[in-house]
Protein backbone atom coordinates (compact mmCIF):
# COMPACT_ATOMS: atom_id res chain seq x y z
CA UNK A 1 -3.04 -14.53 19.69
CA UNK A 2 -0.52 -16.66 17.80
CA UNK A 3 2.28 -15.29 15.62
CA UNK A 4 0.34 -15.85 12.39
CA UNK A 5 -2.70 -14.00 13.69
CA UNK A 6 -0.53 -11.17 14.97
CA UNK A 7 1.32 -10.74 11.69
CA UNK A 8 -1.85 -10.78 9.60
CA UNK A 9 -3.71 -8.47 11.98
CA UNK A 10 -3.54 -4.80 10.98
CA UNK A 11 -4.46 -3.74 14.52
CA UNK A 12 -2.64 -0.75 15.93
CA UNK A 13 -3.19 0.39 19.49
CA UNK A 14 -3.16 4.16 19.78
CA UNK A 15 -4.13 5.38 23.21
CA UNK A 16 -3.91 8.71 24.97
CA UNK A 17 -4.07 8.92 28.76
CA UNK A 18 -3.90 12.17 30.73
CA UNK A 19 -2.86 11.88 34.37
CA UNK A 20 -2.71 15.20 36.16
CA UNK A 21 -0.72 17.56 33.94
CA UNK A 22 1.02 14.76 32.04
CA UNK A 23 -0.18 13.48 28.67
CA UNK A 24 0.80 9.89 27.79
CA UNK A 25 0.62 8.67 24.19
CA UNK A 26 0.85 4.88 23.83
CA UNK A 27 1.25 3.25 20.43
CA UNK A 28 1.68 -0.47 19.72
CA UNK A 29 1.55 -2.34 16.43
CA UNK A 30 2.68 -5.70 15.00
CA UNK A 31 5.88 -5.84 12.96
CA UNK A 32 7.06 -8.05 10.11
CA UNK A 33 9.34 -9.97 12.50
CA UNK A 34 6.38 -11.18 14.63
CA UNK A 35 6.98 -8.73 17.46
CA UNK A 36 5.04 -5.77 18.79
CA UNK A 37 6.58 -2.32 18.56
CA UNK A 38 5.61 -0.34 21.65
CA UNK A 39 6.19 3.35 22.21
CA UNK A 40 5.17 5.43 25.22
CA UNK A 41 5.79 9.18 25.22
CA UNK A 42 4.81 11.53 28.03
CA UNK A 43 4.64 15.28 27.62
CA UNK A 44 4.11 18.22 29.95
CA UNK A 45 1.35 20.82 29.46
CA UNK A 46 3.63 22.77 27.09
CA UNK A 47 4.12 19.70 24.88
CA UNK A 48 7.72 19.05 25.94
CA UNK A 49 8.70 15.38 26.09
CA UNK A 50 9.24 14.27 29.68
CA UNK A 51 9.86 10.57 29.08
CA UNK A 52 10.02 8.23 26.13
CA UNK A 53 10.09 4.45 26.14
CA UNK A 54 10.17 2.19 23.11
CA UNK A 55 10.63 -1.54 22.70
CA UNK A 56 10.14 -4.47 20.40
CA UNK A 57 8.35 -7.23 22.29
CA UNK A 58 7.55 -10.86 21.56
CA UNK A 59 3.80 -11.34 22.20
CA UNK A 60 4.44 -14.52 24.22
CA UNK A 61 6.82 -12.59 26.48
CA UNK A 62 4.34 -9.81 27.36
CA UNK A 63 3.22 -11.30 30.72
CA UNK A 64 6.81 -11.79 31.91
CA UNK A 65 7.97 -8.38 30.67
CA UNK A 66 4.99 -6.82 32.46
CA UNK A 67 6.01 -8.50 35.73
CA UNK A 68 9.67 -7.52 35.33
CA UNK A 69 8.82 -3.88 34.53
CA UNK A 70 6.29 -3.62 37.35
CA UNK A 71 8.71 -4.86 40.00
CA UNK A 72 11.67 -2.90 38.62
CA UNK A 73 9.76 0.37 38.34
CA UNK A 74 8.27 -0.09 41.83
CA UNK A 75 11.83 -0.48 43.14
CA UNK A 76 12.96 2.64 41.29
CA UNK A 77 10.06 4.61 42.75
CA UNK A 78 11.02 3.48 46.24
CA UNK A 79 14.67 4.40 45.64
CA UNK A 80 13.90 7.88 44.31
CA UNK A 81 11.34 8.98 46.90
CA UNK A 82 12.54 11.16 49.76
CA UNK A 83 12.99 9.25 53.01
CA UNK A 84 10.08 9.41 55.44
CA UNK A 85 10.45 11.92 58.28
CA UNK A 86 11.82 10.45 61.51
CA UNK A 87 9.21 9.61 64.17
CA UNK A 88 8.73 12.23 66.87
């Protein structure tokens, strides 16, 4: 989708995904400055916000940002997991 199509498109992505006990609400919509506003909010079963992520993204940069986030978050997961038990 080019910038003109994005700006003239009234499309808003509003998606809810439940994984286990966590509810994820994802919203994305085009802005006047030719970017996409993205917001991801996760809540626990009591409705308390666990995490919130928001960004303004250039549509052409989405593939690269996806790669950067995927590798960075995979590294953070590895760093925050408990070490494996020593072999017996």
